[in-house]
C-alpha atoms as a PDB file:
ATOM      1  CA  MET A   1     -42.532 -55.073  37.924  1.00  0.00           C
ATOM      2  CA  ILE A   2     -39.609 -52.898  36.823  1.00  0.00           C
ATOM      3  CA  LEU A   3     -37.518 -54.659  34.148  1.00  0.00           C
ATOM      4  CA  PRO A   4     -33.937 -53.715  33.266  1.00  0.00           C
ATOM      5  CA  ILE A   5     -33.436 -51.830  29.908  1.00  0.00           C
ATOM      6  CA  VAL A   6     -31.240 -53.511  27.439  1.00  0.00           C
ATOM      7  CA  ALA A   7     -28.181 -51.205  26.730  1.00  0.00           C
ATOM      8  CA  TYR A   8     -26.650 -50.271  23.354  1.00  0.00           C
ATOM      9  CA  GLY A   9     -24.347 -53.036  22.060  1.00  0.00           C
ATOM     10  CA  ASP A  10     -26.719 -56.009  22.811  1.00  0.00           C
ATOM     11  CA  PRO A  11     -27.495 -57.860  19.591  1.00  0.00           C
ATOM     12  CA  ILE A  12     -31.220 -58.086  20.395  1.00  0.00           C
ATOM     13  CA  LEU A  13     -31.446 -54.326  19.592  1.00  0.00           C
ATOM     14  CA  ARG A  14     -30.292 -55.208  15.927  1.00  0.00           C
ATOM     15  CA  LYS A  15     -32.712 -58.025  15.325  1.00  0.00           C
ATOM     16  CA  ILE A  16     -35.993 -57.716  13.339  1.00  0.00           C
ATOM     17  CA  ALA A  17     -38.592 -58.505  15.858  1.00  0.00           C
ATOM     18  CA  ALA A  18     -41.361 -61.203  15.333  1.00  0.00           C
ATOM     19  CA  PRO A  19     -45.049 -60.769  15.259  1.00  0.00           C
ATOM     20  CA  ILE A  20     -47.133 -62.206  17.936  1.00  0.00           C
ATOM     21  CA  ASP A  21     -50.798 -63.186  18.449  1.00  0.00           C
ATOM     22  CA  LYS A  22     -53.069 -63.004  21.378  1.00  0.00           C
ATOM     23  CA  THR A  23     -51.781 -66.429  22.742  1.00  0.00           C
ATOM     24  CA  TYR A  24     -48.301 -64.885  23.463  1.00  0.00           C
ATOM     25  CA  PRO A  25     -47.803 -65.875  27.000  1.00  0.00           C
ATOM     26  CA  ASN A  26     -48.284 -63.316  29.705  1.00  0.00           C
ATOM     27  CA  LEU A  27     -48.789 -60.452  27.354  1.00  0.00           C
ATOM     28  CA  GLU A  28     -50.828 -58.322  29.736  1.00  0.00           C
ATOM     29  CA  ALA A  29     -48.309 -58.610  32.467  1.00  0.00           C
ATOM     30  CA  LEU A  30     -45.451 -57.839  29.989  1.00  0.00           C
ATOM     31  CA  ILE A  31     -47.335 -54.604  28.890  1.00  0.00           C
ATOM     32  CA  GLU A  32     -47.969 -53.572  32.448  1.00  0.00           C
ATOM     33  CA  ASN A  33     -44.324 -54.196  33.327  1.00  0.00           C
ATOM     34  CA  MET A  34     -43.224 -52.092  30.237  1.00  0.00           C
ATOM     35  CA  PHE A  35     -45.262 -49.065  31.391  1.00  0.00           C
ATOM     36  CA  GLU A  36     -43.915 -49.377  34.866  1.00  0.00           C
ATOM     37  CA  THR A  37     -40.429 -49.667  33.627  1.00  0.00           C
ATOM     38  CA  MET A  38     -40.719 -46.771  31.099  1.00  0.00           C
ATOM     39  CA  TYR A  39     -42.338 -44.366  33.858  1.00  0.00           C
ATOM     40  CA  GLU A  40     -39.328 -45.442  36.229  1.00  0.00           C
ATOM     41  CA  ALA A  41     -36.920 -44.513  33.519  1.00  0.00           C
ATOM     42  CA  SER A  42     -38.894 -41.205  32.675  1.00  0.00           C
ATOM     43  CA  GLY A  43     -39.376 -42.219  29.094  1.00  0.00           C
ATOM     44  CA  VAL A  44     -42.192 -41.637  26.857  1.00  0.00           C
ATOM     45  CA  GLY A  45     -41.888 -44.667  24.733  1.00  0.00           C
ATOM     46  CA  LEU A  46     -40.563 -48.275  25.096  1.00  0.00           C
ATOM     47  CA  ALA A  47     -40.204 -51.256  22.814  1.00  0.00           C
ATOM     48  CA  ALA A  48     -40.177 -54.898  23.602  1.00  0.00           C
ATOM     49  CA  PRO A  49     -36.622 -55.450  22.265  1.00  0.00           C
ATOM     50  CA  GLN A  50     -35.437 -52.767  24.960  1.00  0.00           C
ATOM     51  CA  VAL A  51     -36.610 -55.243  27.666  1.00  0.00           C
ATOM     52  CA  GLY A  52     -35.124 -58.380  26.086  1.00  0.00           C
ATOM     53  CA  LYS A  53     -38.212 -59.430  24.052  1.00  0.00           C
ATOM     54  CA  SER A  54     -37.768 -59.621  20.200  1.00  0.00           C
ATOM     55  CA  ILE A  55     -41.355 -59.182  19.544  1.00  0.00           C
ATOM     56  CA  ARG A  56     -43.258 -56.500  17.605  1.00  0.00           C
ATOM     57  CA  LEU A  57     -44.661 -54.589  20.505  1.00  0.00           C
ATOM     58  CA  PHE A  58     -44.184 -50.880  21.651  1.00  0.00           C
ATOM     59  CA  ILE A  59     -46.096 -48.700  24.138  1.00  0.00           C
ATOM     60  CA  ILE A  60     -46.018 -44.862  24.256  1.00  0.00           C
ATOM     61  CA  ASP A  61     -47.476 -42.375  26.863  1.00  0.00           C
ATOM     62  CA  ALA A  62     -46.374 -39.022  25.697  1.00  0.00           C
ATOM     63  CA  GLU A  63     -47.861 -36.962  28.767  1.00  0.00           C
ATOM     64  CA  PRO A  64     -44.513 -36.449  30.524  1.00  0.00           C
ATOM     65  CA  PHE A  65     -43.096 -35.128  27.076  1.00  0.00           C
ATOM     66  CA  SER A  66     -46.003 -32.668  26.903  1.00  0.00           C
ATOM     67  CA  GLU A  67     -45.408 -31.261  30.423  1.00  0.00           C
ATOM     68  CA  ASP A  68     -41.565 -30.761  29.622  1.00  0.00           C
ATOM     69  CA  GLU A  69     -42.265 -29.012  26.474  1.00  0.00           C
ATOM     70  CA  ALA A  70     -45.015 -26.853  28.143  1.00  0.00           C
ATOM     71  CA  GLU A  71     -42.703 -25.864  31.083  1.00  0.00           C
ATOM     72  CA  GLU A  72     -40.104 -24.868  28.518  1.00  0.00           C
ATOM     73  CA  GLY A  73     -42.627 -22.828  26.726  1.00  0.00           C
ATOM     74  CA  ASP A  74     -41.333 -24.328  23.482  1.00  0.00           C
ATOM     75  CA  PRO A  75     -43.013 -22.267  20.454  1.00  0.00           C
ATOM     76  CA  GLU A  76     -42.491 -25.169  18.304  1.00  0.00           C
ATOM     77  CA  PHE A  77     -45.676 -26.825  19.670  1.00  0.00           C
ATOM     78  CA  THR A  78     -49.122 -25.424  19.735  1.00  0.00           C
ATOM     79  CA  ALA A  79     -51.489 -25.768  22.725  1.00  0.00           C
ATOM     80  CA  GLU A  80     -53.566 -28.268  20.749  1.00  0.00           C
ATOM     81  CA  GLN A  81     -50.372 -30.323  20.032  1.00  0.00           C
ATOM     82  CA  LEU A  82     -49.447 -30.367  23.752  1.00  0.00           C
ATOM     83  CA  ALA A  83     -52.892 -31.341  24.772  1.00  0.00           C
ATOM     84  CA  GLU A  84     -52.724 -34.161  22.039  1.00  0.00           C
ATOM     85  CA  MET A  85     -49.435 -35.470  23.711  1.00  0.00           C
ATOM     86  CA  LYS A  86     -50.877 -35.149  27.198  1.00  0.00           C
ATOM     87  CA  ASN A  87     -53.643 -37.600  26.414  1.00  0.00           C
ATOM     88  CA  PHE A  88     -51.699 -39.969  24.243  1.00  0.00           C
ATOM     89  CA  LYS A  89     -51.242 -43.402  25.703  1.00  0.00           C
ATOM     90  CA  LYS A  90     -51.325 -46.471  23.643  1.00  0.00           C
ATOM     91  CA  VAL A  91     -50.054 -50.132  23.101  1.00  0.00           C
ATOM     92  CA  PHE A  92     -48.845 -51.025  19.465  1.00  0.00           C
ATOM     93  CA  ILE A  93     -48.922 -54.678  18.646  1.00  0.00           C
ATOM     94  CA  ASN A  94     -47.683 -55.939  15.051  1.00  0.00           C
ATOM     95  CA  PRO A  95     -47.515 -52.333  13.679  1.00  0.00           C
ATOM     96  CA  ARG A  96     -46.952 -51.888   9.869  1.00  0.00           C
ATOM     97  CA  VAL A  97     -46.125 -48.664   8.422  1.00  0.00           C
ATOM     98  CA  ILE A  98     -48.263 -48.024   5.388  1.00  0.00           C
ATOM     99  CA  SER A  99     -46.777 -44.783   4.303  1.00  0.00           C
ATOM    100  CA  GLU A 100     -44.616 -41.729   5.576  1.00  0.00           C
ATOM    101  CA  SER A 101     -45.142 -38.358   4.179  1.00  0.00           C
ATOM    102  CA  GLY A 102     -44.727 -34.682   4.806  1.00  0.00           C
ATOM    103  CA  GLU A 103     -41.618 -32.539   5.111  1.00  0.00           C
ATOM    104  CA  GLU A 104     -38.775 -33.852   7.053  1.00  0.00           C
ATOM    105  CA  TRP A 105     -38.138 -32.011  10.425  1.00  0.00           C
ATOM    106  CA  GLY A 106     -35.251 -32.225  13.009  1.00  0.00           C
ATOM    107  CA  PHE A 107     -35.504 -32.733  16.741  1.00  0.00           C
ATOM    108  CA  LYS A 108     -33.107 -33.749  19.395  1.00  0.00           C
ATOM    109  CA  GLU A 109     -33.776 -37.533  20.168  1.00  0.00           C
ATOM    110  CA  GLY A 110     -32.754 -39.704  22.863  1.00  0.00           C
ATOM    111  CA  CYS A 111     -33.354 -43.449  23.857  1.00  0.00           C
ATOM    112  CA  LEU A 112     -33.383 -45.276  27.098  1.00  0.00           C
ATOM    113  CA  SER A 113     -31.071 -47.876  25.632  1.00  0.00           C
ATOM    114  CA  ILE A 114     -28.510 -45.248  24.808  1.00  0.00           C
ATOM    115  CA  PRO A 115     -28.237 -43.035  27.940  1.00  0.00           C
ATOM    116  CA  ASN A 116     -26.949 -39.588  28.048  1.00  0.00           C
ATOM    117  CA  ILE A 117     -26.745 -39.004  24.274  1.00  0.00           C
ATOM    118  CA  ARG A 118     -29.235 -36.714  22.407  1.00  0.00           C
ATOM    119  CA  GLU A 119     -28.851 -35.978  18.747  1.00  0.00           C
ATOM    120  CA  ASN A 120     -30.723 -34.082  16.006  1.00  0.00           C
ATOM    121  CA  VAL A 121     -32.753 -36.588  13.857  1.00  0.00           C
ATOM    122  CA  ASP A 122     -34.682 -35.800  10.691  1.00  0.00           C
ATOM    123  CA  ARG A 123     -37.989 -37.555  10.279  1.00  0.00           C
ATOM    124  CA  GLN A 124     -41.060 -37.180   7.950  1.00  0.00           C
ATOM    125  CA  ALA A 125     -43.992 -35.291   9.570  1.00  0.00           C
ATOM    126  CA  LYS A 126     -46.823 -37.984   9.155  1.00  0.00           C
ATOM    127  CA  ILE A 127     -47.021 -41.668   9.372  1.00  0.00           C
ATOM    128  CA  GLU A 128     -49.928 -43.931   8.434  1.00  0.00           C
ATOM    129  CA  LEU A 129     -49.886 -47.231  10.649  1.00  0.00           C
ATOM    130  CA  GLU A 130     -51.816 -50.394  10.855  1.00  0.00           C
ATOM    131  CA  TYR A 131     -51.511 -52.027  14.189  1.00  0.00           C
ATOM    132  CA  TYR A 132     -53.396 -53.907  16.979  1.00  0.00           C
ATOM    133  CA  ASP A 133     -54.254 -52.576  20.519  1.00  0.00           C
ATOM    134  CA  HIS A 134     -53.748 -54.565  23.673  1.00  0.00           C
ATOM    135  CA  GLU A 135     -57.154 -56.354  23.112  1.00  0.00           C
ATOM    136  CA  PHE A 136     -56.021 -57.242  19.535  1.00  0.00           C
ATOM    137  CA  ILE A 137     -58.393 -55.025  17.746  1.00  0.00           C
ATOM    138  CA  LYS A 138     -56.940 -53.736  14.576  1.00  0.00           C
ATOM    139  CA  HIS A 139     -56.557 -50.040  13.685  1.00  0.00           C
ATOM    140  CA  THR A 140     -55.348 -47.959  10.752  1.00  0.00           C
ATOM    141  CA  GLU A 141     -54.487 -44.440  11.778  1.00  0.00           C
ATOM    142  CA  THR A 142     -52.609 -41.531  10.567  1.00  0.00           C
ATOM    143  CA  PHE A 143     -50.511 -39.600  13.208  1.00  0.00           C
ATOM    144  CA  ASP A 144     -48.149 -36.373  12.767  1.00  0.00           C
ATOM    145  CA  GLY A 145     -45.951 -34.117  14.595  1.00  0.00           C
ATOM    146  CA  MET A 146     -44.400 -35.282  17.614  1.00  0.00           C
ATOM    147  CA  ILE A 147     -46.596 -38.183  18.024  1.00  0.00           C
ATOM    148  CA  ALA A 148     -45.559 -39.501  14.535  1.00  0.00           C
ATOM    149  CA  ARG A 149     -41.851 -39.011  15.681  1.00  0.00           C
ATOM    150  CA  VAL A 150     -42.093 -41.151  18.844  1.00  0.00           C
ATOM    151  CA  ILE A 151     -44.030 -43.874  16.812  1.00  0.00           C
ATOM    152  CA  GLN A 152     -41.125 -43.809  14.148  1.00  0.00           C
ATOM    153  CA  HIS A 153     -38.532 -43.899  16.790  1.00  0.00           C
ATOM    154  CA  GLU A 154     -40.270 -46.937  18.477  1.00  0.00           C
ATOM    155  CA  TYR A 155     -40.952 -48.611  15.288  1.00  0.00           C
ATOM    156  CA  ASP A 156     -37.346 -48.541  14.295  1.00  0.00           C
ATOM    157  CA  HIS A 157     -36.634 -50.508  17.401  1.00  0.00           C
ATOM    158  CA  LEU A 158     -38.767 -53.470  15.875  1.00  0.00           C
ATOM    159  CA  GLU A 159     -36.618 -53.131  12.749  1.00  0.00           C
ATOM    160  CA  GLY A 160     -33.418 -53.278  14.561  1.00  0.00           C
ATOM    161  CA  LYS A 161     -32.658 -49.748  14.041  1.00  0.00           C
ATOM    162  CA  LEU A 162     -31.483 -47.004  16.548  1.00  0.00           C
ATOM    163  CA  PHE A 163     -31.726 -43.232  16.213  1.00  0.00           C
ATOM    164  CA  THR A 164     -27.980 -43.206  16.058  1.00  0.00           C
ATOM    165  CA  ASP A 165     -28.146 -44.716  12.626  1.00  0.00           C
ATOM    166  CA  LYS A 166     -30.005 -41.694  11.297  1.00  0.00           C
ATOM    167  CA  ILE A 167     -27.284 -39.041  12.264  1.00  0.00           C
ATOM    168  CA  SER A 168     -24.452 -38.142   9.992  1.00  0.00           C
ATOM    169  CA  PRO A 169     -21.265 -40.217   9.920  1.00  0.00           C
ATOM    170  CA  PHE A 170     -19.173 -37.396  11.249  1.00  0.00           C
ATOM    171  CA  LYS A 171     -21.373 -37.025  14.406  1.00  0.00           C
ATOM    172  CA  ARG A 172     -21.554 -40.941  14.738  1.00  0.00           C
ATOM    173  CA  LYS A 173     -17.737 -41.026  14.736  1.00  0.00           C
ATOM    174  CA  MET A 174     -17.697 -38.243  17.305  1.00  0.00           C
ATOM    175  CA  LEU A 175     -19.904 -40.436  19.485  1.00  0.00           C
ATOM    176  CA  SER A 176     -18.154 -43.478  18.951  1.00  0.00           C
ATOM    177  CA  GLY A 177     -16.231 -43.262  22.359  1.00  0.00           C
ATOM    178  CA  LYS A 178     -19.503 -42.784  24.302  1.00  0.00           C
ATOM    179  CA  LEU A 179     -21.125 -45.587  22.464  1.00  0.00           C
ATOM    180  CA  ALA A 180     -18.293 -47.982  23.155  1.00  0.00           C
ATOM    181  CA  ASP A 181     -18.376 -47.228  26.760  1.00  0.00           C
ATOM    182  CA  ILE A 182     -22.284 -47.902  26.791  1.00  0.00           C
ATOM    183  CA  SER A 183     -21.413 -51.250  25.004  1.00  0.00           C
ATOM    184  CA  ASN A 184     -18.855 -52.027  27.705  1.00  0.00           C
ATOM    185  CA  GLY A 185     -21.074 -51.377  30.599  1.00  0.00           C
ATOM    186  CA  LYS A 186     -19.505 -48.033  31.539  1.00  0.00           C
ATOM    187  CA  ALA A 187     -22.722 -45.949  31.240  1.00  0.00           C
ATOM    188  CA  SER A 188     -24.607 -44.404  34.102  1.00  0.00           C
ATOM    189  CA  ALA A 189     -28.276 -43.841  34.330  1.00  0.00           C
ATOM    190  CA  ASP A 190     -31.003 -43.317  36.688  1.00  0.00           C
ATOM    191  CA  TYR A 191     -32.543 -46.736  36.087  1.00  0.00           C
ATOM    192  CA  LYS A 192     -31.433 -50.273  35.685  1.00  0.00           C
ATOM    193  CA  LEU A 193     -29.353 -51.261  32.566  1.00  0.00           C
ATOM    194  CA  ARG A 194     -28.687 -54.650  31.326  1.00  0.00           C
ATOM    195  CA  TYR A 195     -25.534 -54.858  29.348  1.00  0.00           C
ATOM    196  CA  TYR A 196     -24.584 -57.439  26.917  1.00  0.00           C
ATOM    197  CA  LYS A 197     -22.112 -60.294  27.967  1.00  0.00           C
ATOM    198  CA  PRO A 198     -21.009 -62.516  25.214  1.00  0.00           C
ATOM    199  CA  LYS A 199     -21.045 -66.225  25.836  1.00  0.00           C
ATOM    200  CA  ARG A 200     -17.582 -67.425  26.129  1.00  0.00           C
END
């Protein structure tokens, strides 16, 4: 089932998400629905708060990203890195960052909750992460390059942070009108957005 994606301005995107255990109701169905929603929106990552669930869960499938970069012939990525992205599909439950390391590098990021805005974001090159997979098997792994970036982006959602928090105050001010439009339900996207309506 395709779920509406929570748009910028909804307080759920600013909450620190709660951990879950294997008894979380309908978890398998939620994960399936999140993948379906992400594919429908042409995304490569999606965090549970973006579909209205403030829990520590995100998914990634980097294959579409690898195909886009290969088509563009981007010299920034080696054939090996593109192959890694092509085969990278994972579920991350209750992730915990152990460390971030390496030289910071910039890349234009976007977000399904913030349609039609892309800005350069600096992130460290490597991340060591502890997490559980969809079967609640625990892993500790180190990721680098674009995979690390996507993980860092999605992890930020669980911490109530957005990529727009990481750009300069000047750029954020330049985008304030567009961000206000999204908050006020005036954005357009090729997928269903859910706008925040304060209770009166």
